[in-house]
Amino acid sequence: KMKDSAYDTMYEVEDYLWWFTARRKLYSLLLNNSKGFKILDAGCGTGADLVFLKNYGNAVGVDISEKAVYYNKIRGNKVIKADITNLPFKDETFDIVLAGDSIYHAWVDDNKAVREFHRVLKKNGCLIINTAAYQFLMGDHDIAVMTKKRYTKNGLKKLLLNTNFSLEKIFYWNSFLFPIRAVMVLLKIGDSEKSDLKSGSLTNKILTIIINLEVFLIKRGISFPFGTSIMCKSIKK
């Protein structure tokens, strides 16, 4: 659960802000033209990704926040108020579980959450996770969205392999902007607890061009050695 103000900001920007649009492009790469599947968005936030997931099948979201549920209902999404570490679904319900920046939150036991994703997935079902990378990048935005931990590729891999998933693909992204982000965090540039999610339209256009180039390269198989986020696709054994 994030601070209410972070949900308000997210709802305002997640349809068009560079980071969210890039994340959805990378999801579509991993979803690989899947159609007609039962999909869970675990920790669905204010619901733009859930709208996107409807292109791939019958999608439902869960989130622990009343504010998130409210915004999802405005969007017309199917949503249930629930904790991702205790999902209100039967075993082997879903073909795909998407956990977009939800396992790192302060209230989440990531081992429990991944075990729950495994439980509700069908055999050979697909889990897609996006999460924050590198503990030393913990900054003001993390305070606003209540981040408990940031991961490395190896740490995330270990979490999944320990829960009986096989790893299909894992990569860092938002790599071009990584040095700028690192400098800002280390020099404490920015106002405490303000979310990173607000940026002017010119800044957004420039960052969109930069991140789209990176997405283009990732789609062509380029692997970056670092980034501010990690995305992975794993399969339930």
C-alpha atoms as a PDB file:
ATOM      1  CA  LYS A   1       0.000   0.000   0.000  1.00  0.00           C
ATOM      2  CA  MET A   2       1.292   3.438  -0.928  1.00  0.00           C
ATOM      3  CA  LYS A   3       0.406   6.824   0.472  1.00  0.00           C
ATOM      4  CA  ASP A   4      -2.958   8.058  -0.844  1.00  0.00           C
ATOM      5  CA  SER A   5      -1.293  11.006  -2.575  1.00  0.00           C
ATOM      6  CA  ALA A   6       0.871   8.574  -4.599  1.00  0.00           C
ATOM      7  CA  TYR A   7      -2.289   6.829  -5.887  1.00  0.00           C
ATOM      8  CA  ASP A   8      -3.774  10.197  -6.879  1.00  0.00           C
ATOM      9  CA  THR A   9      -0.611  11.090  -8.805  1.00  0.00           C
ATOM     10  CA  MET A  10      -0.420   7.649 -10.435  1.00  0.00           C
ATOM     11  CA  TYR A  11      -4.017   7.865 -11.651  1.00  0.00           C
ATOM     12  CA  GLU A  12      -3.294  11.262 -13.210  1.00  0.00           C
ATOM     13  CA  VAL A  13      -0.195  10.167 -15.144  1.00  0.00           C
ATOM     14  CA  GLU A  14      -0.076   6.427 -15.786  1.00  0.00           C
ATOM     15  CA  ASP A  15      -1.879   6.557 -19.131  1.00  0.00           C
ATOM     16  CA  TYR A  16       0.798   8.725 -20.758  1.00  0.00           C
ATOM     17  CA  LEU A  17       3.932   9.073 -18.589  1.00  0.00           C
ATOM     18  CA  TRP A  18       7.077   7.686 -20.269  1.00  0.00           C
ATOM     19  CA  TRP A  19       7.893   5.093 -17.591  1.00  0.00           C
ATOM     20  CA  PHE A  20       4.416   3.514 -17.545  1.00  0.00           C
ATOM     21  CA  THR A  21       4.071   3.439 -21.335  1.00  0.00           C
ATOM     22  CA  ALA A  22       7.519   1.802 -21.656  1.00  0.00           C
ATOM     23  CA  ARG A  23       6.673  -0.771 -18.999  1.00  0.00           C
ATOM     24  CA  ARG A  24       3.524  -1.773 -20.918  1.00  0.00           C
ATOM     25  CA  LYS A  25       5.562  -2.122 -24.145  1.00  0.00           C
ATOM     26  CA  LEU A  26       7.918  -4.499 -22.322  1.00  0.00           C
ATOM     27  CA  TYR A  27       4.969  -6.428 -20.871  1.00  0.00           C
ATOM     28  CA  SER A  28       3.614  -6.871 -24.401  1.00  0.00           C
ATOM     29  CA  LEU A  29       7.003  -8.279 -25.461  1.00  0.00           C
ATOM     30  CA  LEU A  30       6.764 -10.925 -22.710  1.00  0.00           C
ATOM     31  CA  LEU A  31       3.041 -11.605 -23.225  1.00  0.00           C
ATOM     32  CA  ASN A  32       3.899 -12.485 -26.810  1.00  0.00           C
ATOM     33  CA  ASN A  33       0.450 -12.101 -28.456  1.00  0.00           C
ATOM     34  CA  SER A  34      -1.254 -14.239 -25.791  1.00  0.00           C
ATOM     35  CA  LYS A  35      -5.032 -14.174 -26.285  1.00  0.00           C
ATOM     36  CA  GLY A  36      -8.043 -15.498 -24.416  1.00  0.00           C
ATOM     37  CA  PHE A  37      -6.277 -16.203 -21.122  1.00  0.00           C
ATOM     38  CA  LYS A  38      -7.365 -15.725 -17.513  1.00  0.00           C
ATOM     39  CA  ILE A  39      -5.106 -13.014 -16.113  1.00  0.00           C
ATOM     40  CA  LEU A  40      -4.505 -11.637 -12.613  1.00  0.00           C
ATOM     41  CA  ASP A  41      -2.952  -8.207 -12.036  1.00  0.00           C
ATOM     42  CA  ALA A  42      -1.554  -8.667  -8.513  1.00  0.00           C
ATOM     43  CA  GLY A  43      -1.247  -5.217  -6.951  1.00  0.00           C
ATOM     44  CA  CYS A  44      -2.997  -3.430  -9.796  1.00  0.00           C
ATOM     45  CA  GLY A  45      -2.577   0.127  -8.498  1.00  0.00           C
ATOM     46  CA  THR A  46      -4.952   2.579 -10.198  1.00  0.00           C
ATOM     47  CA  GLY A  47      -5.691   0.309 -13.127  1.00  0.00           C
ATOM     48  CA  ALA A  48      -4.110   1.438 -16.422  1.00  0.00           C
ATOM     49  CA  ASP A  49      -2.236  -1.867 -16.755  1.00  0.00           C
ATOM     50  CA  LEU A  50      -5.450  -3.769 -16.101  1.00  0.00           C
ATOM     51  CA  VAL A  51      -7.105  -1.912 -18.997  1.00  0.00           C
ATOM     52  CA  PHE A  52      -4.090  -2.924 -21.158  1.00  0.00           C
ATOM     53  CA  LEU A  53      -4.314  -6.579 -20.005  1.00  0.00           C
ATOM     54  CA  LYS A  54      -7.899  -6.860 -21.275  1.00  0.00           C
ATOM     55  CA  ASN A  55      -6.350  -7.045 -24.775  1.00  0.00           C
ATOM     56  CA  TYR A  56      -4.919 -10.431 -23.789  1.00  0.00           C
ATOM     57  CA  GLY A  57      -7.877 -12.072 -22.087  1.00  0.00           C
ATOM     58  CA  ASN A  58     -10.186 -11.950 -19.087  1.00  0.00           C
ATOM     59  CA  ALA A  59      -8.319  -9.787 -16.561  1.00  0.00           C
ATOM     60  CA  VAL A  60      -9.045  -9.151 -12.886  1.00  0.00           C
ATOM     61  CA  GLY A  61      -7.038  -7.070 -10.436  1.00  0.00           C
ATOM     62  CA  VAL A  62      -6.404  -7.124  -6.702  1.00  0.00           C
ATOM     63  CA  ASP A  63      -5.056  -4.321  -4.547  1.00  0.00           C
ATOM     64  CA  ILE A  64      -4.994  -3.753  -0.796  1.00  0.00           C
ATOM     65  CA  SER A  65      -5.791  -0.034  -1.103  1.00  0.00           C
ATOM     66  CA  GLU A  66      -9.349   1.352  -1.085  1.00  0.00           C
ATOM     67  CA  LYS A  67      -8.054   4.253  -3.175  1.00  0.00           C
ATOM     68  CA  ALA A  68      -6.714   1.865  -5.826  1.00  0.00           C
ATOM     69  CA  VAL A  69     -10.010  -0.053  -5.906  1.00  0.00           C
ATOM     70  CA  TYR A  70     -11.898   3.237  -6.306  1.00  0.00           C
ATOM     71  CA  TYR A  71      -9.782   4.302  -9.298  1.00  0.00           C
ATOM     72  CA  ASN A  72     -10.125   0.872 -10.915  1.00  0.00           C
ATOM     73  CA  LYS A  73     -13.895   1.098 -10.645  1.00  0.00           C
ATOM     74  CA  ILE A  74     -13.793   4.494 -12.407  1.00  0.00           C
ATOM     75  CA  ARG A  75     -11.916   2.744 -15.238  1.00  0.00           C
ATOM     76  CA  GLY A  76     -14.499  -0.049 -15.364  1.00  0.00           C
ATOM     77  CA  ASN A  77     -12.029  -2.742 -14.272  1.00  0.00           C
ATOM     78  CA  LYS A  78     -12.873  -5.938 -12.411  1.00  0.00           C
ATOM     79  CA  VAL A  79     -11.107  -5.521  -9.088  1.00  0.00           C
ATOM     80  CA  ILE A  80     -11.111  -7.090  -5.609  1.00  0.00           C
ATOM     81  CA  LYS A  81      -9.702  -5.516  -2.461  1.00  0.00           C
ATOM     82  CA  ALA A  82      -7.186  -8.121  -1.302  1.00  0.00           C
ATOM     83  CA  ASP A  83      -3.624  -8.712  -0.133  1.00  0.00           C
ATOM     84  CA  ILE A  84      -1.248 -10.264  -2.700  1.00  0.00           C
ATOM     85  CA  THR A  85       0.155 -12.505   0.066  1.00  0.00           C
ATOM     86  CA  ASN A  86      -3.322 -14.001   0.627  1.00  0.00           C
ATOM     87  CA  LEU A  87      -5.143 -14.123  -2.718  1.00  0.00           C
ATOM     88  CA  PRO A  88      -8.903 -14.851  -2.700  1.00  0.00           C
ATOM     89  CA  PHE A  89      -8.750 -17.385  -5.559  1.00  0.00           C
ATOM     90  CA  LYS A  90      -8.693 -21.179  -5.861  1.00  0.00           C
ATOM     91  CA  ASP A  91      -5.548 -23.077  -6.821  1.00  0.00           C
ATOM     92  CA  GLU A  92      -4.717 -23.081 -10.539  1.00  0.00           C
ATOM     93  CA  THR A  93      -7.167 -20.334 -11.533  1.00  0.00           C
ATOM     94  CA  PHE A  94      -5.011 -18.196 -13.857  1.00  0.00           C
ATOM     95  CA  ASP A  95      -2.925 -18.630 -17.003  1.00  0.00           C
ATOM     96  CA  ILE A  96      -0.973 -15.416 -16.349  1.00  0.00           C
ATOM     97  CA  VAL A  97      -0.142 -13.433 -13.198  1.00  0.00           C
ATOM     98  CA  LEU A  98       1.337  -9.953 -13.593  1.00  0.00           C
ATOM     99  CA  ALA A  99       2.949  -8.346 -10.545  1.00  0.00           C
ATOM    100  CA  GLY A 100       3.924  -4.850 -11.615  1.00  0.00           C
ATOM    101  CA  ASP A 101       5.965  -3.143  -8.896  1.00  0.00           C
ATOM    102  CA  SER A 102       4.091  -4.749  -6.028  1.00  0.00           C
ATOM    103  CA  ILE A 103       6.414  -7.290  -4.361  1.00  0.00           C
ATOM    104  CA  TYR A 104       8.823  -4.645  -2.983  1.00  0.00           C
ATOM    105  CA  HIS A 105       6.281  -2.770  -0.842  1.00  0.00           C
ATOM    106  CA  ALA A 106       6.738  -2.327   2.896  1.00  0.00           C
ATOM    107  CA  TRP A 107       3.731  -4.500   3.793  1.00  0.00           C
ATOM    108  CA  VAL A 108       4.599  -7.406   1.456  1.00  0.00           C
ATOM    109  CA  ASP A 109       6.433 -10.614   2.373  1.00  0.00           C
ATOM    110  CA  ASP A 110       7.842 -11.312  -1.103  1.00  0.00           C
ATOM    111  CA  ASN A 111       8.308 -15.053  -0.428  1.00  0.00           C
ATOM    112  CA  LYS A 112       4.649 -15.385   0.561  1.00  0.00           C
ATOM    113  CA  ALA A 113       3.509 -13.314  -2.417  1.00  0.00           C
ATOM    114  CA  VAL A 114       5.457 -15.429  -4.932  1.00  0.00           C
ATOM    115  CA  ARG A 115       4.156 -18.640  -3.305  1.00  0.00           C
ATOM    116  CA  GLU A 116       0.615 -17.286  -3.747  1.00  0.00           C
ATOM    117  CA  PHE A 117       1.296 -16.438  -7.411  1.00  0.00           C
ATOM    118  CA  HIS A 118       2.538 -20.014  -7.867  1.00  0.00           C
ATOM    119  CA  ARG A 119      -0.566 -21.441  -6.158  1.00  0.00           C
ATOM    120  CA  VAL A 120      -3.128 -19.546  -8.263  1.00  0.00           C
ATOM    121  CA  LEU A 121      -1.332 -20.199 -11.565  1.00  0.00           C
ATOM    122  CA  LYS A 122      -2.179 -23.218 -13.688  1.00  0.00           C
ATOM    123  CA  LYS A 123       0.632 -25.664 -14.482  1.00  0.00           C
ATOM    124  CA  ASN A 124       2.920 -24.055 -17.085  1.00  0.00           C
ATOM    125  CA  GLY A 125       1.265 -20.711 -16.277  1.00  0.00           C
ATOM    126  CA  CYS A 126       3.275 -17.541 -16.720  1.00  0.00           C
ATOM    127  CA  LEU A 127       4.370 -15.070 -14.016  1.00  0.00           C
ATOM    128  CA  ILE A 128       5.601 -11.636 -15.098  1.00  0.00           C
ATOM    129  CA  ILE A 129       7.222  -9.458 -12.436  1.00  0.00           C
ATOM    130  CA  ASN A 130       8.532  -5.924 -12.637  1.00  0.00           C
ATOM    131  CA  THR A 131      10.309  -4.530  -9.620  1.00  0.00           C
ATOM    132  CA  ALA A 132      12.758  -1.854  -8.467  1.00  0.00           C
ATOM    133  CA  ALA A 133      16.492  -2.526  -8.833  1.00  0.00           C
ATOM    134  CA  TYR A 134      19.487  -1.857  -6.545  1.00  0.00           C
ATOM    135  CA  GLN A 135      19.160  -1.026  -2.879  1.00  0.00           C
ATOM    136  CA  PHE A 136      21.537   1.958  -3.159  1.00  0.00           C
ATOM    137  CA  LEU A 137      18.969   3.662  -5.434  1.00  0.00           C
ATOM    138  CA  MET A 138      16.495   3.887  -2.542  1.00  0.00           C
ATOM    139  CA  GLY A 139      15.344   7.510  -2.703  1.00  0.00           C
ATOM    140  CA  ASP A 140      12.485   9.970  -2.229  1.00  0.00           C
ATOM    141  CA  HIS A 141      10.173   8.190  -4.658  1.00  0.00           C
ATOM    142  CA  ASP A 142      10.627   4.991  -2.640  1.00  0.00           C
ATOM    143  CA  ILE A 143       9.443   6.857   0.459  1.00  0.00           C
ATOM    144  CA  ALA A 144       6.311   8.046  -1.375  1.00  0.00           C
ATOM    145  CA  VAL A 145       5.441   4.555  -2.662  1.00  0.00           C
ATOM    146  CA  MET A 146       6.588   2.773   0.526  1.00  0.00           C
ATOM    147  CA  THR A 147       9.349   0.598  -0.925  1.00  0.00           C
ATOM    148  CA  LYS A 148      10.858  -1.910   1.508  1.00  0.00           C
ATOM    149  CA  LYS A 149      13.588  -3.301  -0.730  1.00  0.00           C
ATOM    150  CA  ARG A 150      15.064  -3.023  -4.215  1.00  0.00           C
ATOM    151  CA  TYR A 151      16.358  -6.138  -5.982  1.00  0.00           C
ATOM    152  CA  THR A 152      19.255  -7.395  -8.056  1.00  0.00           C
ATOM    153  CA  LYS A 153      18.760  -9.813 -10.929  1.00  0.00           C
ATOM    154  CA  ASN A 154      20.329 -12.593  -8.855  1.00  0.00           C
ATOM    155  CA  GLY A 155      18.137 -11.836  -5.842  1.00  0.00           C
ATOM    156  CA  LEU A 156      14.938 -11.955  -7.910  1.00  0.00           C
ATOM    157  CA  LYS A 157      16.112 -15.110  -9.706  1.00  0.00           C
ATOM    158  CA  LYS A 158      16.744 -16.830  -6.358  1.00  0.00           C
ATOM    159  CA  LEU A 159      13.289 -15.834  -5.070  1.00  0.00           C
ATOM    160  CA  LEU A 160      11.624 -17.415  -8.122  1.00  0.00           C
ATOM    161  CA  LEU A 161      13.745 -20.570  -8.326  1.00  0.00           C
ATOM    162  CA  ASN A 162      13.126 -21.212  -4.596  1.00  0.00           C
ATOM    163  CA  THR A 163       9.365 -21.155  -5.306  1.00  0.00           C
ATOM    164  CA  ASN A 164       9.464 -23.758  -8.081  1.00  0.00           C
ATOM    165  CA  PHE A 165       9.365 -21.416 -11.057  1.00  0.00           C
ATOM    166  CA  SER A 166      11.617 -21.842 -14.056  1.00  0.00           C
ATOM    167  CA  LEU A 167      13.060 -18.633 -15.438  1.00  0.00           C
ATOM    168  CA  GLU A 168      12.410 -17.836 -19.085  1.00  0.00           C
ATOM    169  CA  LYS A 169      13.716 -14.254 -19.332  1.00  0.00           C
ATOM    170  CA  ILE A 170      15.095 -11.648 -16.929  1.00  0.00           C
ATOM    171  CA  PHE A 171      16.568  -8.242 -17.704  1.00  0.00           C
ATOM    172  CA  TYR A 172      17.337  -4.796 -16.338  1.00  0.00           C
ATOM    173  CA  TRP A 173      15.674  -1.827 -17.989  1.00  0.00           C
ATOM    174  CA  ASN A 174      15.568   1.984 -17.700  1.00  0.00           C
ATOM    175  CA  SER A 175      19.305   1.650 -18.174  1.00  0.00           C
ATOM    176  CA  PHE A 176      20.043   4.816 -20.178  1.00  0.00           C
ATOM    177  CA  LEU A 177      18.727   6.963 -17.322  1.00  0.00           C
ATOM    178  CA  PHE A 178      20.366   4.860 -14.600  1.00  0.00           C
ATOM    179  CA  PRO A 179      23.433   7.162 -14.141  1.00  0.00           C
ATOM    180  CA  ILE A 180      21.216  10.251 -13.753  1.00  0.00           C
ATOM    181  CA  ARG A 181      18.994   8.440 -11.242  1.00  0.00           C
ATOM    182  CA  ALA A 182      22.027   7.224  -9.278  1.00  0.00           C
ATOM    183  CA  VAL A 183      23.538  10.718  -9.063  1.00  0.00           C
ATOM    184  CA  MET A 184      20.196  12.241  -7.981  1.00  0.00           C
ATOM    185  CA  VAL A 185      19.752   9.691  -5.205  1.00  0.00           C
ATOM    186  CA  LEU A 186      23.353   9.824  -3.983  1.00  0.00           C
ATOM    187  CA  LEU A 187      23.405  13.637  -3.954  1.00  0.00           C
ATOM    188  CA  LYS A 188      19.882  13.778  -2.500  1.00  0.00           C
ATOM    189  CA  ILE A 189      18.617  16.029  -5.307  1.00  0.00           C
ATOM    190  CA  GLY A 190      14.853  16.507  -5.079  1.00  0.00           C
ATOM    191  CA  ASP A 191      12.242  17.128  -2.406  1.00  0.00           C
ATOM    192  CA  SER A 192      11.751  14.489   0.247  1.00  0.00           C
ATOM    193  CA  GLU A 193       8.808  12.125  -0.261  1.00  0.00           C
ATOM    194  CA  LYS A 194       7.716  13.668  -3.558  1.00  0.00           C
ATOM    195  CA  SER A 195       6.906  10.999  -6.095  1.00  0.00           C
ATOM    196  CA  ASP A 196       9.010  10.882  -9.275  1.00  0.00           C
ATOM    197  CA  LEU A 197       5.795  10.537 -11.233  1.00  0.00           C
ATOM    198  CA  LYS A 198       5.288  14.213 -11.996  1.00  0.00           C
ATOM    199  CA  SER A 199       7.059  15.715 -14.970  1.00  0.00           C
ATOM    200  CA  GLY A 200       6.301  18.445 -17.468  1.00  0.00           C
ATOM    201  CA  SER A 201       5.156  17.589 -20.978  1.00  0.00           C
ATOM    202  CA  LEU A 202       8.492  18.525 -22.616  1.00  0.00           C
ATOM    203  CA  THR A 203      10.450  16.410 -20.124  1.00  0.00           C
ATOM    204  CA  ASN A 204       7.997  13.562 -20.696  1.00  0.00           C
ATOM    205  CA  LYS A 205       8.457  13.803 -24.492  1.00  0.00           C
ATOM    206  CA  ILE A 206      12.262  13.706 -24.196  1.00  0.00           C
ATOM    207  CA  LEU A 207      12.226  10.797 -21.739  1.00  0.00           C
ATOM    208  CA  THR A 208       9.727   8.942 -23.952  1.00  0.00           C
ATOM    209  CA  ILE A 209      12.122   9.191 -26.916  1.00  0.00           C
ATOM    210  CA  ILE A 210      15.032   7.927 -24.776  1.00  0.00           C
ATOM    211  CA  ILE A 211      13.107   5.015 -23.257  1.00  0.00           C
ATOM    212  CA  ASN A 212      11.555   4.024 -26.607  1.00  0.00           C
ATOM    213  CA  LEU A 213      15.045   3.635 -28.053  1.00  0.00           C
ATOM    214  CA  GLU A 214      15.929   1.398 -25.129  1.00  0.00           C
ATOM    215  CA  VAL A 215      12.742  -0.688 -25.565  1.00  0.00           C
ATOM    216  CA  PHE A 216      13.586  -1.040 -29.276  1.00  0.00           C
ATOM    217  CA  LEU A 217      17.040  -2.425 -28.367  1.00  0.00           C
ATOM    218  CA  ILE A 218      15.658  -4.797 -25.688  1.00  0.00           C
ATOM    219  CA  LYS A 219      13.165  -6.170 -28.235  1.00  0.00           C
ATOM    220  CA  ARG A 220      16.134  -6.901 -30.506  1.00  0.00           C
ATOM    221  CA  GLY A 221      17.873  -8.917 -27.810  1.00  0.00           C
ATOM    222  CA  ILE A 222      20.238  -6.334 -26.327  1.00  0.00           C
ATOM    223  CA  SER A 223      20.858  -7.042 -22.630  1.00  0.00           C
ATOM    224  CA  PHE A 224      21.871  -4.149 -20.374  1.00  0.00           C
ATOM    225  CA  PRO A 225      24.144  -4.825 -17.357  1.00  0.00           C
ATOM    226  CA  PHE A 226      22.154  -2.507 -15.043  1.00  0.00           C
ATOM    227  CA  GLY A 227      18.968  -0.448 -14.848  1.00  0.00           C
ATOM    228  CA  THR A 228      16.600   1.104 -12.331  1.00  0.00           C
ATOM    229  CA  SER A 229      14.068  -1.721 -12.844  1.00  0.00           C
ATOM    230  CA  ILE A 230      14.116  -5.481 -13.401  1.00  0.00           C
ATOM    231  CA  MET A 231      11.535  -7.393 -15.422  1.00  0.00           C
ATOM    232  CA  CYS A 232      11.236 -11.153 -15.682  1.00  0.00           C
ATOM    233  CA  LYS A 233       9.052 -13.891 -17.069  1.00  0.00           C
ATOM    234  CA  SER A 234       8.937 -17.262 -15.325  1.00  0.00           C
ATOM    235  CA  ILE A 235       6.901 -20.431 -15.774  1.00  0.00           C
ATOM    236  CA  LYS A 236       5.213 -22.547 -13.069  1.00  0.00           C
ATOM    237  CA  LYS A 237       6.710 -26.023 -13.086  1.00  0.00           C
END
